[in-house]
Amino acid sequence: MEELEELARFRDRISEELDRTVDFWLKHSHDRENGGFFTCLSRDGAVYDDLKYIWLQGRQVWMYCRLYRSLARFQRQEILDAAIAGKLPLPPPHRCPSRPLPPASPPLPHSPPLPLPHRPSPTHHPSPCLTAPP
């Protein structure tokens, strides 16, 4: 019984931290002038570097979408608007000329090469956060 009470306390603490984090993001991380999200924020929410790392842009959009679709308390227009606000025009993928891709390794002699998985283009599928929650 004591273990269940401890699990409930952990669940409540995690829920509070998630709410606190999302509130912080909504208040401080959005670049309302240029779109996207600021990465480098101090504990009080001040931007100390306006460089935007692409991993955070994707992570924050994904998190808003995931929260909207998964938890009733986040099924608010504010969360969808936040996800949409995170879209930035992305440059095409490229490699730095000074760091070219390594040469492909030849397949082992006794095994055929594995087929590459089919990955549909994301432009052919609607954004999961823009559809109604299940």
Protein backbone atom coordinates (compact mmCIF):
# COMPACT_ATOMS: atom_id res chain seq x y z
CA MET A 1 0.00 0.00 0.00
CA GLU A 2 2.84 2.34 0.84
CA GLU A 3 4.34 1.74 -2.61
CA LEU A 4 1.09 2.81 -4.30
CA GLU A 5 1.05 6.01 -2.28
CA GLU A 6 4.64 6.70 -3.28
CA LEU A 7 3.80 6.08 -6.95
CA ALA A 8 0.86 8.46 -6.67
CA ARG A 9 3.15 11.14 -5.20
CA PHE A 10 5.61 10.64 -8.08
CA ARG A 11 2.78 10.85 -10.62
CA ASP A 12 1.53 14.08 -9.06
CA ARG A 13 5.03 15.56 -8.98
CA ILE A 14 5.66 14.66 -12.63
CA SER A 15 2.30 16.15 -13.60
CA GLU A 16 3.13 19.40 -11.75
CA GLU A 17 6.58 19.60 -13.40
CA LEU A 18 5.06 19.02 -16.84
CA ASP A 19 2.51 21.79 -16.27
CA ARG A 20 5.27 24.11 -15.04
CA THR A 21 7.47 23.33 -18.05
CA VAL A 22 4.70 23.86 -20.61
CA ASP A 23 3.70 27.13 -18.93
CA PHE A 24 7.35 28.26 -19.05
CA TRP A 25 7.60 27.38 -22.76
CA LEU A 26 4.35 29.17 -23.57
CA LYS A 27 5.41 32.32 -21.72
CA HIS A 28 9.08 32.57 -22.61
CA SER A 29 10.32 30.42 -25.47
CA HIS A 30 8.19 31.67 -28.38
CA ASP A 31 9.83 34.10 -30.78
CA ARG A 32 6.71 36.10 -31.57
CA GLU A 33 8.55 38.29 -34.08
CA ASN A 34 10.27 35.66 -36.28
CA GLY A 35 8.54 32.40 -35.37
CA GLY A 36 10.06 29.34 -33.82
CA PHE A 37 11.35 28.94 -30.29
CA PHE A 38 14.29 30.37 -28.43
CA THR A 39 16.63 27.70 -27.12
CA CYS A 40 18.84 29.63 -24.74
CA LEU A 41 16.70 30.80 -21.85
CA SER A 42 17.72 31.60 -18.31
CA ARG A 43 15.73 30.23 -15.37
CA ASP A 44 13.67 33.44 -15.29
CA GLY A 45 12.86 33.12 -19.01
CA ALA A 46 15.22 35.80 -20.32
CA VAL A 47 16.73 35.02 -23.74
CA TYR A 48 20.52 35.07 -23.41
CA ASP A 49 21.26 33.94 -26.98
CA ASP A 50 18.88 34.20 -29.92
CA LEU A 51 20.42 31.27 -31.80
CA LYS A 52 17.73 28.66 -32.51
CA TYR A 53 18.81 25.04 -32.56
CA ILE A 54 16.74 22.95 -34.93
CA TRP A 55 16.45 20.01 -32.53
CA LEU A 56 14.51 22.18 -30.08
CA GLN A 57 12.17 23.46 -32.78
CA GLY A 58 11.17 19.89 -33.61
CA ARG A 59 11.09 18.75 -30.01
CA GLN A 60 8.85 21.57 -28.87
CA VAL A 61 6.42 21.25 -31.79
CA TRP A 62 6.30 17.47 -31.26
CA MET A 63 5.74 17.90 -27.52
CA TYR A 64 2.87 20.36 -27.99
CA CYS A 65 1.26 17.98 -30.48
CA ARG A 66 1.80 14.95 -28.26
CA LEU A 67 0.37 16.69 -25.20
CA TYR A 68 -2.65 17.90 -27.15
CA ARG A 69 -3.42 14.42 -28.43
CA SER A 70 -2.64 12.54 -25.21
CA LEU A 71 -3.82 14.53 -22.18
CA ALA A 72 -7.23 16.15 -21.82
CA ARG A 73 -5.90 19.10 -19.83
CA PHE A 74 -3.74 20.10 -22.82
CA GLN A 75 -6.50 19.86 -25.44
CA ARG A 76 -6.69 23.63 -25.75
CA GLN A 77 -6.43 25.93 -28.74
CA GLU A 78 -3.45 27.62 -27.07
CA ILE A 79 -1.44 24.38 -27.37
CA LEU A 80 -2.29 23.94 -31.07
CA ASP A 81 -1.45 27.57 -31.76
CA ALA A 82 1.89 27.07 -30.01
CA ALA A 83 2.71 24.07 -32.21
CA ILE A 84 1.85 26.00 -35.37
CA ALA A 85 3.94 28.97 -34.20
CA GLY A 86 6.98 26.72 -34.10
CA LYS A 87 7.20 26.09 -37.79
CA LEU A 88 10.24 27.60 -39.40
CA PRO A 89 11.35 27.31 -43.01
CA LEU A 90 14.00 24.60 -42.94
CA PRO A 91 16.99 24.57 -45.26
CA PRO A 92 17.46 21.47 -47.41
CA PRO A 93 19.56 18.77 -45.77
CA HIS A 94 23.25 19.09 -46.57
CA ARG A 95 26.69 18.11 -45.38
CA CYS A 96 29.57 20.38 -44.74
CA PRO A 97 32.07 19.98 -47.65
CA SER A 98 34.90 19.61 -45.16
CA ARG A 99 33.10 16.62 -43.59
CA PRO A 100 31.81 14.45 -46.44
CA LEU A 101 29.83 11.29 -45.81
CA PRO A 102 32.00 8.26 -45.16
CA PRO A 103 32.16 5.68 -47.95
CA ALA A 104 29.52 2.96 -47.74
CA SER A 105 30.69 -0.36 -46.40
CA PRO A 106 30.31 -3.29 -48.79
CA PRO A 107 27.76 -5.89 -47.70
CA LEU A 108 29.03 -9.02 -46.01
CA PRO A 109 29.73 -11.81 -48.55
CA HIS A 110 27.21 -14.26 -47.05
CA SER A 111 24.29 -11.91 -46.54
CA PRO A 112 22.29 -9.96 -49.10
CA PRO A 113 21.96 -6.22 -48.49
CA LEU A 114 18.89 -5.29 -46.49
CA PRO A 115 16.21 -3.29 -48.31
CA LEU A 116 15.73 0.26 -47.12
CA PRO A 117 12.43 0.87 -45.32
CA HIS A 118 9.84 2.87 -47.20
CA ARG A 119 9.49 6.30 -45.65
CA PRO A 120 6.64 8.36 -47.06
CA SER A 121 7.27 12.04 -47.48
CA PRO A 122 5.87 14.07 -44.57
CA THR A 123 4.36 16.48 -47.08
CA HIS A 124 1.85 13.77 -48.10
CA HIS A 125 0.44 13.35 -44.61
CA PRO A 126 -1.48 15.87 -42.49
CA SER A 127 0.24 17.06 -39.36
CA PRO A 128 -0.85 14.82 -36.47
CA CYS A 129 -1.35 17.81 -34.18
CA LEU A 130 -3.75 19.50 -36.55
CA THR A 131 -6.22 16.64 -36.49
CA ALA A 132 -8.82 16.24 -33.79
CA PRO A 133 -7.76 14.17 -30.79
CA PRO A 134 -9.02 10.58 -30.68
